C-alpha atoms as a PDB file:
ATOM      1  CA  MET A   1      17.898  12.493  32.038  1.00  0.00           C
ATOM      2  CA  ILE A   2      19.221   8.995  32.042  1.00  0.00           C
ATOM      3  CA  SER A   3      22.581   8.771  29.654  1.00  0.00           C
ATOM      4  CA  ILE A   4      23.136   5.496  27.679  1.00  0.00           C
ATOM      5  CA  PRO A   5      26.675   4.650  27.162  1.00  0.00           C
ATOM      6  CA  HIS A   6      27.843   4.810  23.613  1.00  0.00           C
ATOM      7  CA  LYS A   7      28.561   0.901  23.275  1.00  0.00           C
ATOM      8  CA  ALA A   8      25.032   0.005  24.880  1.00  0.00           C
ATOM      9  CA  LYS A   9      23.286   2.396  22.567  1.00  0.00           C
ATOM     10  CA  GLN A  10      25.130   0.806  19.463  1.00  0.00           C
ATOM     11  CA  PHE A  11      23.891  -2.668  20.941  1.00  0.00           C
ATOM     12  CA  LEU A  12      20.313  -1.441  21.502  1.00  0.00           C
ATOM     13  CA  VAL A  13      20.160  -0.111  17.910  1.00  0.00           C
ATOM     14  CA  LEU A  14      21.391  -3.394  16.522  1.00  0.00           C
ATOM     15  CA  LEU A  15      18.944  -5.383  18.509  1.00  0.00           C
ATOM     16  CA  ILE A  16      16.101  -3.179  17.171  1.00  0.00           C
ATOM     17  CA  LYS A  17      17.284  -3.718  13.558  1.00  0.00           C
ATOM     18  CA  LEU A  18      17.545  -7.455  13.943  1.00  0.00           C
ATOM     19  CA  LEU A  19      14.131  -7.410  15.819  1.00  0.00           C
ATOM     20  CA  ILE A  20      12.274  -5.698  12.752  1.00  0.00           C
ATOM     21  CA  VAL A  21      14.010  -7.688  10.164  1.00  0.00           C
ATOM     22  CA  GLY A  22      13.475 -11.037  11.882  1.00  0.00           C
ATOM     23  CA  SER A  23       9.722 -10.126  12.971  1.00  0.00           C
ATOM     24  CA  ALA A  24       9.211  -9.102   9.137  1.00  0.00           C
ATOM     25  CA  PHE A  25      10.729 -12.576   7.817  1.00  0.00           C
ATOM     26  CA  TYR A  26       8.917 -14.541  10.291  1.00  0.00           C
ATOM     27  CA  PHE A  27       5.518 -13.299   9.309  1.00  0.00           C
ATOM     28  CA  ILE A  28       6.162 -13.564   5.786  1.00  0.00           C
ATOM     29  CA  TYR A  29       7.431 -17.211   6.279  1.00  0.00           C
ATOM     30  CA  ASN A  30       4.199 -17.968   8.582  1.00  0.00           C
ATOM     31  CA  GLN A  31       1.884 -16.647   5.964  1.00  0.00           C
ATOM     32  CA  LEU A  32       3.102 -18.835   2.955  1.00  0.00           C
ATOM     33  CA  ALA A  33       3.849 -21.838   5.155  1.00  0.00           C
ATOM     34  CA  ASN A  34       0.738 -22.130   7.125  1.00  0.00           C
ATOM     35  CA  ASN A  35      -1.957 -21.044   4.432  1.00  0.00           C
ATOM     36  CA  ASP A  36      -4.155 -24.272   3.922  1.00  0.00           C
ATOM     37  CA  LYS A  37      -5.937 -22.641   0.818  1.00  0.00           C
ATOM     38  CA  LEU A  38      -2.501 -22.442  -1.243  1.00  0.00           C
ATOM     39  CA  ASP A  39      -2.683 -25.598  -3.512  1.00  0.00           C
ATOM     40  CA  TRP A  40       0.732 -25.453  -4.833  1.00  0.00           C
ATOM     41  CA  GLN A  41       0.327 -28.465  -6.911  1.00  0.00           C
ATOM     42  CA  LYS A  42      -2.193 -26.732  -9.028  1.00  0.00           C
ATOM     43  CA  PHE A  43      -0.061 -23.714  -9.122  1.00  0.00           C
ATOM     44  CA  ILE A  44       2.874 -25.592 -10.493  1.00  0.00           C
ATOM     45  CA  THR A  45       0.627 -27.341 -13.112  1.00  0.00           C
ATOM     46  CA  VAL A  46      -0.593 -24.074 -14.492  1.00  0.00           C
ATOM     47  CA  PHE A  47       2.722 -22.325 -14.338  1.00  0.00           C
ATOM     48  CA  ARG A  48       4.218 -25.309 -16.385  1.00  0.00           C
ATOM     49  CA  LYS A  49       1.372 -24.856 -18.863  1.00  0.00           C
ATOM     50  CA  ASN A  50       1.603 -21.114 -19.256  1.00  0.00           C
ATOM     51  CA  GLN A  51       5.333 -20.349 -18.281  1.00  0.00           C
ATOM     52  CA  SER A  52       6.796 -17.658 -20.230  1.00  0.00           C
ATOM     53  CA  VAL A  53      10.004 -15.656 -19.803  1.00  0.00           C
ATOM     54  CA  LEU A  54       8.760 -12.662 -21.233  1.00  0.00           C
ATOM     55  CA  GLY A  55       5.336 -13.103 -19.270  1.00  0.00           C
ATOM     56  CA  ILE A  56       7.207 -13.332 -15.751  1.00  0.00           C
ATOM     57  CA  ALA A  57       9.609 -10.611 -16.622  1.00  0.00           C
ATOM     58  CA  PHE A  58       6.507  -8.296 -17.669  1.00  0.00           C
ATOM     59  CA  ILE A  59       4.900  -9.204 -14.285  1.00  0.00           C
ATOM     60  CA  LEU A  60       8.129  -8.261 -12.359  1.00  0.00           C
ATOM     61  CA  LEU A  61       8.600  -4.882 -14.296  1.00  0.00           C
ATOM     62  CA  LEU A  62       5.374  -4.017 -13.228  1.00  0.00           C
ATOM     63  CA  SER A  63       6.231  -4.813  -9.499  1.00  0.00           C
ATOM     64  CA  ILE A  64       9.275  -2.623 -10.100  1.00  0.00           C
ATOM     65  CA  LEU A  65       7.092   0.190 -11.562  1.00  0.00           C
ATOM     66  CA  ASN A  66       4.662   0.091  -8.750  1.00  0.00           C
ATOM     67  CA  ARG A  67       7.427   0.694  -6.150  1.00  0.00           C
ATOM     68  CA  TYR A  68       9.132   3.186  -8.549  1.00  0.00           C
ATOM     69  CA  PHE A  69       6.047   5.341  -8.737  1.00  0.00           C
ATOM     70  CA  GLU A  70       5.740   5.394  -4.960  1.00  0.00           C
ATOM     71  CA  ILE A  71       9.470   6.070  -4.435  1.00  0.00           C
ATOM     72  CA  LEU A  72       9.182   9.097  -7.074  1.00  0.00           C
ATOM     73  CA  LYS A  73       6.059  10.359  -5.144  1.00  0.00           C
ATOM     74  CA  TRP A  74       8.037  10.503  -1.807  1.00  0.00           C
ATOM     75  CA  GLN A  75      11.134  12.168  -3.404  1.00  0.00           C
ATOM     76  CA  ASN A  76       8.554  14.794  -4.736  1.00  0.00           C
ATOM     77  CA  LEU A  77       7.021  15.410  -1.319  1.00  0.00           C
ATOM     78  CA  ALA A  78      10.278  15.278   0.353  1.00  0.00           C
ATOM     79  CA  LYS A  79      11.343  18.596  -1.558  1.00  0.00           C
ATOM     80  CA  VAL A  80       9.130  20.310   0.989  1.00  0.00           C
ATOM     81  CA  ILE A  81      11.658  19.781   3.673  1.00  0.00           C
ATOM     82  CA  HIS A  82      14.688  19.410   1.360  1.00  0.00           C
ATOM     83  CA  PRO A  83      15.815  17.679  -1.845  1.00  0.00           C
ATOM     84  CA  ILE A  84      16.743  14.236  -1.724  1.00  0.00           C
ATOM     85  CA  SER A  85      18.116  11.925  -4.384  1.00  0.00           C
ATOM     86  CA  LEU A  86      16.379   8.910  -5.910  1.00  0.00           C
ATOM     87  CA  GLY A  87      18.692   6.471  -4.147  1.00  0.00           C
ATOM     88  CA  GLU A  88      18.130   8.103  -0.864  1.00  0.00           C
ATOM     89  CA  ALA A  89      14.268   8.150  -1.606  1.00  0.00           C
ATOM     90  CA  THR A  90      14.488   4.286  -2.552  1.00  0.00           C
ATOM     91  CA  LYS A  91      16.266   3.701   0.881  1.00  0.00           C
ATOM     92  CA  GLN A  92      13.727   5.683   2.810  1.00  0.00           C
ATOM     93  CA  VAL A  93      10.792   4.254   1.144  1.00  0.00           C
ATOM     94  CA  LEU A  94      12.038   0.434   1.217  1.00  0.00           C
ATOM     95  CA  ALA A  95      13.053   0.425   4.940  1.00  0.00           C
ATOM     96  CA  ALA A  96       9.661   2.317   6.045  1.00  0.00           C
ATOM     97  CA  LEU A  97       7.938  -0.401   4.260  1.00  0.00           C
ATOM     98  CA  THR A  98       9.945  -3.130   6.169  1.00  0.00           C
ATOM     99  CA  ALA A  99       9.453  -1.365   9.485  1.00  0.00           C
ATOM    100  CA  GLY A 100       5.577  -0.970   8.767  1.00  0.00           C
ATOM    101  CA  ILE A 101       4.886  -4.354   7.719  1.00  0.00           C
ATOM    102  CA  PHE A 102       3.718  -5.762  11.093  1.00  0.00           C
ATOM    103  CA  THR A 103       2.055  -2.592  12.280  1.00  0.00           C
ATOM    104  CA  PRO A 104      -1.862  -1.861  11.812  1.00  0.00           C
ATOM    105  CA  ASN A 105      -2.187  -0.110   8.396  1.00  0.00           C
ATOM    106  CA  GLY A 106       1.662   0.563   7.958  1.00  0.00           C
ATOM    107  CA  VAL A 107       1.894   3.024  10.747  1.00  0.00           C
ATOM    108  CA  GLY A 108       5.321   1.947  11.397  1.00  0.00           C
ATOM    109  CA  GLU A 109       6.195   3.365   7.893  1.00  0.00           C
ATOM    110  CA  TYR A 110       5.741   7.007   9.194  1.00  0.00           C
ATOM    111  CA  ALA A 111       8.119   6.537  12.111  1.00  0.00           C
ATOM    112  CA  GLY A 112      10.558   4.763   9.613  1.00  0.00           C
ATOM    113  CA  LYS A 113      10.892   7.742   7.084  1.00  0.00           C
ATOM    114  CA  ALA A 114      10.961  10.200  10.084  1.00  0.00           C
ATOM    115  CA  LEU A 115      14.268   8.492  11.289  1.00  0.00           C
ATOM    116  CA  TYR A 116      16.111   9.554   8.236  1.00  0.00           C
ATOM    117  CA  PHE A 117      15.381  13.303   9.087  1.00  0.00           C
ATOM    118  CA  GLN A 118      16.295  15.611  11.975  1.00  0.00           C
ATOM    119  CA  LYS A 119      13.946  15.407  15.050  1.00  0.00           C
ATOM    120  CA  SER A 120      12.701  18.805  14.395  1.00  0.00           C
ATOM    121  CA  GLU A 121      11.254  17.777  11.112  1.00  0.00           C
ATOM    122  CA  ALA A 122       9.591  14.737  12.259  1.00  0.00           C
ATOM    123  CA  LYS A 123       6.101  16.168  12.289  1.00  0.00           C
ATOM    124  CA  LYS A 124       6.569  17.400   8.711  1.00  0.00           C
ATOM    125  CA  VAL A 125       7.619  14.004   7.609  1.00  0.00           C
ATOM    126  CA  VAL A 126       4.707  12.477   9.162  1.00  0.00           C
ATOM    127  CA  PHE A 127       2.467  14.959   7.679  1.00  0.00           C
ATOM    128  CA  LEU A 128       4.123  14.452   3.988  1.00  0.00           C
ATOM    129  CA  ASN A 129       3.706  10.622   4.405  1.00  0.00           C
ATOM    130  CA  LEU A 130      -0.198  11.346   5.230  1.00  0.00           C
ATOM    131  CA  ILE A 131      -0.269  13.038   1.937  1.00  0.00           C
ATOM    132  CA  CYS A 132       1.646  10.750   0.195  1.00  0.00           C
ATOM    133  CA  ASN A 133      -0.596   7.889   1.263  1.00  0.00           C
ATOM    134  CA  GLY A 134      -3.696   9.841   1.228  1.00  0.00           C
ATOM    135  CA  ILE A 135      -3.796  10.583  -2.387  1.00  0.00           C
ATOM    136  CA  GLN A 136      -3.385   6.946  -2.958  1.00  0.00           C
ATOM    137  CA  MET A 137      -6.472   6.145  -0.888  1.00  0.00           C
ATOM    138  CA  ILE A 138      -8.498   8.991  -2.522  1.00  0.00           C
ATOM    139  CA  LEU A 139      -7.679   7.429  -5.987  1.00  0.00           C
ATOM    140  CA  THR A 140      -8.665   3.929  -4.552  1.00  0.00           C
ATOM    141  CA  ILE A 141     -11.848   5.480  -3.652  1.00  0.00           C
ATOM    142  CA  ILE A 142     -12.598   7.256  -6.680  1.00  0.00           C
ATOM    143  CA  PHE A 143     -11.638   4.271  -9.116  1.00  0.00           C
ATOM    144  CA  GLY A 144     -13.491   1.859  -6.591  1.00  0.00           C
ATOM    145  CA  LEU A 145     -16.756   3.556  -6.517  1.00  0.00           C
ATOM    146  CA  PHE A 146     -16.812   3.834 -10.240  1.00  0.00           C
ATOM    147  CA  GLY A 147     -15.804  -0.095 -10.405  1.00  0.00           C
ATOM    148  CA  LEU A 148     -18.312  -0.964  -7.775  1.00  0.00           C
ATOM    149  CA  LEU A 149     -21.080   1.081  -9.438  1.00  0.00           C
ATOM    150  CA  TYR A 150     -20.330  -0.793 -12.999  1.00  0.00           C
ATOM    151  CA  PHE A 151     -19.960  -4.077 -11.237  1.00  0.00           C
ATOM    152  CA  ASN A 152     -23.297  -3.925  -9.464  1.00  0.00           C
ATOM    153  CA  ALA A 153     -24.939  -2.649 -12.702  1.00  0.00           C
ATOM    154  CA  GLN A 154     -24.065  -6.116 -14.206  1.00  0.00           C
ATOM    155  CA  TYR A 155     -24.651  -8.364 -11.311  1.00  0.00           C
ATOM    156  CA  ASN A 156     -26.936  -6.542  -8.818  1.00  0.00           C
ATOM    157  CA  VAL A 157     -24.898  -7.431  -5.804  1.00  0.00           C
ATOM    158  CA  ILE A 158     -26.677  -4.502  -3.850  1.00  0.00           C
ATOM    159  CA  THR A 159     -29.909  -2.871  -4.702  1.00  0.00           C
ATOM    160  CA  THR A 160     -30.159   0.718  -6.170  1.00  0.00           C
ATOM    161  CA  LYS A 161     -31.761   1.916  -2.799  1.00  0.00           C
ATOM    162  CA  THR A 162     -28.606   0.732  -0.810  1.00  0.00           C
ATOM    163  CA  VAL A 163     -26.380   2.311  -3.257  1.00  0.00           C
ATOM    164  CA  LEU A 164     -28.296   5.834  -2.967  1.00  0.00           C
ATOM    165  CA  ILE A 165     -28.182   5.391   0.981  1.00  0.00           C
ATOM    166  CA  LEU A 166     -24.274   4.770   0.787  1.00  0.00           C
ATOM    167  CA  PHE A 167     -23.623   7.804  -1.384  1.00  0.00           C
ATOM    168  CA  GLY A 168     -26.055  10.052   0.710  1.00  0.00           C
ATOM    169  CA  GLY A 169     -24.179   8.738   3.679  1.00  0.00           C
ATOM    170  CA  PHE A 170     -20.923   9.827   2.043  1.00  0.00           C
ATOM    171  CA  LEU A 171     -22.164  13.178   1.102  1.00  0.00           C
ATOM    172  CA  ALA A 172     -23.445  13.687   4.536  1.00  0.00           C
ATOM    173  CA  ILE A 173     -20.113  13.062   6.050  1.00  0.00           C
ATOM    174  CA  LEU A 174     -18.842  15.492   3.911  1.00  0.00           C
ATOM    175  CA  MET A 175     -20.858  18.142   4.776  1.00  0.00           C
ATOM    176  CA  PHE A 176     -20.630  17.229   8.438  1.00  0.00           C
ATOM    177  CA  LEU A 177     -16.584  17.582   8.172  1.00  0.00           C
ATOM    178  CA  PHE A 178     -16.893  20.831   6.363  1.00  0.00           C
ATOM    179  CA  SER A 179     -19.260  22.183   8.862  1.00  0.00           C
ATOM    180  CA  ILE A 180     -16.921  21.568  11.965  1.00  0.00           C
ATOM    181  CA  LYS A 181     -13.684  22.430  10.206  1.00  0.00           C
ATOM    182  CA  LYS A 182     -13.080  25.092  12.544  1.00  0.00           C
ATOM    183  CA  ILE A 183     -13.446  22.976  15.679  1.00  0.00           C
ATOM    184  CA  LYS A 184     -10.110  22.298  17.285  1.00  0.00           C
ATOM    185  CA  ILE A 185      -8.969  19.102  18.757  1.00  0.00           C
ATOM    186  CA  LYS A 186      -5.628  19.625  20.743  1.00  0.00           C
ATOM    187  CA  GLU A 187      -4.785  22.648  18.589  1.00  0.00           C
ATOM    188  CA  TYR A 188      -5.751  20.672  15.228  1.00  0.00           C
ATOM    189  CA  SER A 189      -8.652  21.287  12.922  1.00  0.00           C
ATOM    190  CA  ILE A 190      -9.875  20.406   9.684  1.00  0.00           C
ATOM    191  CA  GLU A 191      -9.289  24.183   8.447  1.00  0.00           C
ATOM    192  CA  LYS A 192      -5.518  23.964   9.844  1.00  0.00           C
ATOM    193  CA  LEU A 193      -5.036  20.919   7.825  1.00  0.00           C
ATOM    194  CA  ILE A 194      -6.442  22.255   4.756  1.00  0.00           C
ATOM    195  CA  ARG A 195      -4.294  25.534   5.160  1.00  0.00           C
ATOM    196  CA  LYS A 196      -1.133  23.381   5.653  1.00  0.00           C
ATOM    197  CA  ILE A 197      -2.117  21.344   2.678  1.00  0.00           C
ATOM    198  CA  ASN A 198      -2.507  24.626   0.440  1.00  0.00           C
ATOM    199  CA  GLU A 199       1.002  25.559   1.485  1.00  0.00           C
ATOM    200  CA  ILE A 200       2.648  22.994  -0.564  1.00  0.00           C
ATOM    201  CA  PRO A 201       3.232  24.272  -4.113  1.00  0.00           C
ATOM    202  CA  LYS A 202       0.683  23.318  -6.516  1.00  0.00           C
ATOM    203  CA  SER A 203       3.358  21.614  -8.807  1.00  0.00           C
ATOM    204  CA  ILE A 204       4.080  19.087  -6.153  1.00  0.00           C
ATOM    205  CA  HIS A 205       0.502  18.335  -5.478  1.00  0.00           C
ATOM    206  CA  GLN A 206       0.004  17.971  -9.379  1.00  0.00           C
ATOM    207  CA  LYS A 207       2.852  15.724  -9.561  1.00  0.00           C
ATOM    208  CA  ASN A 208       1.823  13.608  -6.664  1.00  0.00           C
ATOM    209  CA  ILE A 209      -1.633  13.033  -8.315  1.00  0.00           C
ATOM    210  CA  VAL A 210      -0.086  12.101 -11.597  1.00  0.00           C
ATOM    211  CA  LEU A 211       2.181   9.795 -10.049  1.00  0.00           C
ATOM    212  CA  GLY A 212      -0.385   8.467  -7.786  1.00  0.00           C
ATOM    213  CA  ILE A 213      -2.596   7.689 -10.705  1.00  0.00           C
ATOM    214  CA  CYS A 214       0.420   5.895 -12.502  1.00  0.00           C
ATOM    215  CA  ARG A 215       1.021   3.796  -9.631  1.00  0.00           C
ATOM    216  CA  TYR A 216      -2.796   2.765  -9.246  1.00  0.00           C
ATOM    217  CA  LEU A 217      -2.992   1.991 -12.972  1.00  0.00           C
ATOM    218  CA  VAL A 218       0.143  -0.311 -12.786  1.00  0.00           C
ATOM    219  CA  PHE A 219      -0.879  -2.373  -9.678  1.00  0.00           C
ATOM    220  CA  SER A 220      -4.395  -2.757 -10.685  1.00  0.00           C
ATOM    221  CA  HIS A 221      -3.325  -3.979 -14.124  1.00  0.00           C
ATOM    222  CA  GLN A 222      -0.909  -6.270 -12.727  1.00  0.00           C
ATOM    223  CA  TYR A 223      -3.682  -7.945 -11.224  1.00  0.00           C
ATOM    224  CA  TYR A 224      -5.754  -8.425 -14.393  1.00  0.00           C
ATOM    225  CA  PHE A 225      -2.657  -9.624 -16.301  1.00  0.00           C
ATOM    226  CA  LEU A 226      -2.247 -12.276 -13.533  1.00  0.00           C
ATOM    227  CA  PHE A 227      -5.863 -13.320 -14.095  1.00  0.00           C
ATOM    228  CA  LEU A 228      -5.089 -13.759 -17.759  1.00  0.00           C
ATOM    229  CA  ALA A 229      -2.017 -15.812 -17.151  1.00  0.00           C
ATOM    230  CA  PHE A 230      -4.054 -18.088 -14.952  1.00  0.00           C
ATOM    231  CA  ASP A 231      -6.600 -18.530 -18.150  1.00  0.00           C
ATOM    232  CA  VAL A 232      -9.483 -16.301 -16.522  1.00  0.00           C
ATOM    233  CA  GLN A 233     -11.032 -15.068 -19.700  1.00  0.00           C
ATOM    234  CA  LEU A 234     -13.597 -12.134 -18.771  1.00  0.00           C
ATOM    235  CA  PRO A 235     -14.451  -8.877 -20.439  1.00  0.00           C
ATOM    236  CA  TYR A 236     -11.854  -6.193 -19.687  1.00  0.00           C
ATOM    237  CA  LEU A 237     -14.246  -3.951 -18.183  1.00  0.00           C
ATOM    238  CA  THR A 238     -15.869  -6.554 -15.973  1.00  0.00           C
ATOM    239  CA  LEU A 239     -12.620  -7.908 -14.859  1.00  0.00           C
ATOM    240  CA  MET A 240     -11.186  -4.452 -13.914  1.00  0.00           C
ATOM    241  CA  ALA A 241     -14.357  -3.395 -12.164  1.00  0.00           C
ATOM    242  CA  ALA A 242     -13.914  -6.368  -9.746  1.00  0.00           C
ATOM    243  CA  VAL A 243     -10.227  -5.483  -8.995  1.00  0.00           C
ATOM    244  CA  THR A 244     -10.962  -1.855  -8.459  1.00  0.00           C
ATOM    245  CA  SER A 245     -13.941  -2.917  -6.243  1.00  0.00           C
ATOM    246  CA  VAL A 246     -11.706  -5.398  -4.261  1.00  0.00           C
ATOM    247  CA  TYR A 247      -8.841  -2.587  -3.706  1.00  0.00           C
ATOM    248  CA  PHE A 248     -11.556   0.043  -2.678  1.00  0.00           C
ATOM    249  CA  LEU A 249     -13.465  -2.360   0.148  1.00  0.00           C
ATOM    250  CA  ALA A 250     -10.158  -3.922   1.127  1.00  0.00           C
ATOM    251  CA  SER A 251      -8.426  -0.724   1.727  1.00  0.00           C
ATOM    252  CA  SER A 252     -11.276   0.347   3.897  1.00  0.00           C
ATOM    253  CA  LEU A 253     -10.575  -2.230   6.227  1.00  0.00           C
ATOM    254  CA  PRO A 254      -8.085  -2.005   9.116  1.00  0.00           C
ATOM    255  CA  THR A 255      -5.218  -4.563   8.651  1.00  0.00           C
ATOM    256  CA  PHE A 256      -1.665  -5.432   8.992  1.00  0.00           C
ATOM    257  CA  GLN A 257       0.822  -5.334   5.788  1.00  0.00           C
ATOM    258  CA  PHE A 258       1.365  -9.111   6.609  1.00  0.00           C
ATOM    259  CA  LEU A 259      -2.218  -9.793   6.310  1.00  0.00           C
ATOM    260  CA  ASP A 260      -2.767  -7.607   3.363  1.00  0.00           C
ATOM    261  CA  PHE A 261      -3.151 -10.519   0.912  1.00  0.00           C
ATOM    262  CA  ALA A 262      -5.341 -12.343   3.318  1.00  0.00           C
ATOM    263  CA  VAL A 263      -7.977  -9.415   3.550  1.00  0.00           C
ATOM    264  CA  LYS A 264      -7.779  -8.671  -0.238  1.00  0.00           C
ATOM    265  CA  GLY A 265      -8.075 -12.414  -0.998  1.00  0.00           C
ATOM    266  CA  SER A 266     -11.079 -12.687   1.267  1.00  0.00           C
ATOM    267  CA  VAL A 267     -12.955  -9.870  -0.528  1.00  0.00           C
ATOM    268  CA  ALA A 268     -11.647 -10.920  -4.000  1.00  0.00           C
ATOM    269  CA  ILE A 269     -13.181 -14.530  -3.368  1.00  0.00           C
ATOM    270  CA  TYR A 270     -16.513 -12.877  -2.911  1.00  0.00           C
ATOM    271  CA  PHE A 271     -16.404 -10.866  -6.203  1.00  0.00           C
ATOM    272  CA  PHE A 272     -14.695 -13.434  -8.384  1.00  0.00           C
ATOM    273  CA  LYS A 273     -17.147 -16.192  -7.043  1.00  0.00           C
ATOM    274  CA  ILE A 274     -19.885 -14.268  -8.696  1.00  0.00           C
ATOM    275  CA  LEU A 275     -17.792 -14.225 -12.047  1.00  0.00           C
ATOM    276  CA  GLY A 276     -17.289 -17.942 -11.728  1.00  0.00           C
ATOM    277  CA  VAL A 277     -13.359 -17.900 -11.055  1.00  0.00           C
ATOM    278  CA  ASN A 278     -12.065 -20.845  -8.948  1.00  0.00           C
ATOM    279  CA  GLU A 279     -11.458 -19.968  -5.311  1.00  0.00           C
ATOM    280  CA  TRP A 280      -7.873 -21.278  -5.468  1.00  0.00           C
ATOM    281  CA  ILE A 281      -7.088 -19.181  -8.334  1.00  0.00           C
ATOM    282  CA  VAL A 282      -8.191 -15.964  -6.571  1.00  0.00           C
ATOM    283  CA  VAL A 283      -6.187 -16.879  -3.362  1.00  0.00           C
ATOM    284  CA  PHE A 284      -3.002 -17.596  -5.481  1.00  0.00           C
ATOM    285  CA  ILE A 285      -3.212 -14.212  -7.541  1.00  0.00           C
ATOM    286  CA  SER A 286      -3.760 -12.351  -4.129  1.00  0.00           C
ATOM    287  CA  THR A 287      -0.811 -14.206  -2.656  1.00  0.00           C
ATOM    288  CA  LEU A 288       1.116 -13.716  -5.691  1.00  0.00           C
ATOM    289  CA  MET A 289       0.334  -9.865  -5.540  1.00  0.00           C
ATOM    290  CA  TRP A 290       1.292  -9.561  -1.996  1.00  0.00           C
ATOM    291  CA  PHE A 291       4.600 -11.512  -2.608  1.00  0.00           C
ATOM    292  CA  LEU A 292       5.738  -9.366  -5.661  1.00  0.00           C
ATOM    293  CA  ASN A 293       4.428  -6.058  -4.124  1.00  0.00           C
ATOM    294  CA  VAL A 294       5.147  -6.406  -0.442  1.00  0.00           C
ATOM    295  CA  VAL A 295       7.674  -9.427   0.252  1.00  0.00           C
ATOM    296  CA  LEU A 296      10.190  -8.643  -2.349  1.00  0.00           C
ATOM    297  CA  PRO A 297      10.393  -4.887  -1.565  1.00  0.00           C
ATOM    298  CA  VAL A 298      10.740  -5.756   2.342  1.00  0.00           C
ATOM    299  CA  ILE A 299      13.496  -8.222   1.645  1.00  0.00           C
ATOM    300  CA  LEU A 300      15.109  -5.216  -0.172  1.00  0.00           C
ATOM    301  CA  GLY A 301      14.248  -2.971   2.589  1.00  0.00           C
ATOM    302  CA  SER A 302      15.826  -5.191   5.311  1.00  0.00           C
ATOM    303  CA  TYR A 303      19.057  -4.329   3.796  1.00  0.00           C
ATOM    304  CA  TYR A 304      18.676  -0.506   4.411  1.00  0.00           C
ATOM    305  CA  VAL A 305      17.294  -1.238   8.082  1.00  0.00           C
ATOM    306  CA  LEU A 306      20.170  -3.377   8.752  1.00  0.00           C
ATOM    307  CA  ASN A 307      22.738  -0.617   7.248  1.00  0.00           C
ATOM    308  CA  PHE A 308      20.428   2.133   8.998  1.00  0.00           C
ATOM    309  CA  LYS A 309      22.612   4.644  11.057  1.00  0.00           C
ATOM    310  CA  THR A 310      21.178   7.071  13.487  1.00  0.00           C
ATOM    311  CA  LYS A 311      22.160  10.638  13.722  1.00  0.00           C
ATOM    312  CA  ASN A 312      24.187  10.280  16.972  1.00  0.00           C
ATOM    313  CA  THR A 313      26.006   6.788  16.244  1.00  0.00           C
ATOM    314  CA  THR A 314      28.460   5.328  13.883  1.00  0.00           C
ATOM    315  CA  ALA A 315      26.884   1.961  14.408  1.00  0.00           C
END
């Protein structure tokens, strides 16, 4: 086995840190500077018209709560390995978010959290992070399906026959997965996965679900309040149905964190165009949501990445 000198290892770790943080900031700058759909003049005009210190503080508070609930979720699940403090959970979540910003569907986030644990615990960390993200995806699907059905009932985006086909297909997939749960692929099976999930105490699962619901309600309503700030006057249920539908459909598409607002923005334009909302407003709100809930946490996470210390070095 090749032995890397201590100083060389320190330099390599520093180089990786700078590469992660530098890449994250480059992708953020590139998306904000080169998006020709962002009309900053219109944004400044609306901002000056509706600017409110309390309004801005409220929107920022929702961003803090969004990430706070995610941190609480991870702190709750990490207890399966060993208890961690709120500060440690914050460090791990924000650093992992920064590491995952330019990887497909935030895959780098899994590796980012694993680095804070012993190598022998890496598989458990990845599994728990899957549970953490999985409940959020399930909630997005549940709320999204109800939102899509309500939106479709109002505007007939797709036919009733298509809705029945989609639900039939969804049920068929569930039945298929249930029927093959004992089939193993490289020593893994759905049955084994279910057993491992059931090994986690119910109290942890219950808290994870409650925190997941809180987080979903926070970021979906942040979207809602931003539309109100841009003078979009639509019935609450109609607007929320569109928001939940956008999150549901956008989350089902493979993407990168730094392109998240572009994907959600494209889906949102389709839905809100039906509601008569100007395209530039939809693009700006999607960009603001991305900036508040991804960019700002990544900036904070960069500090933790740069100060990260491996288990075997003091650098």
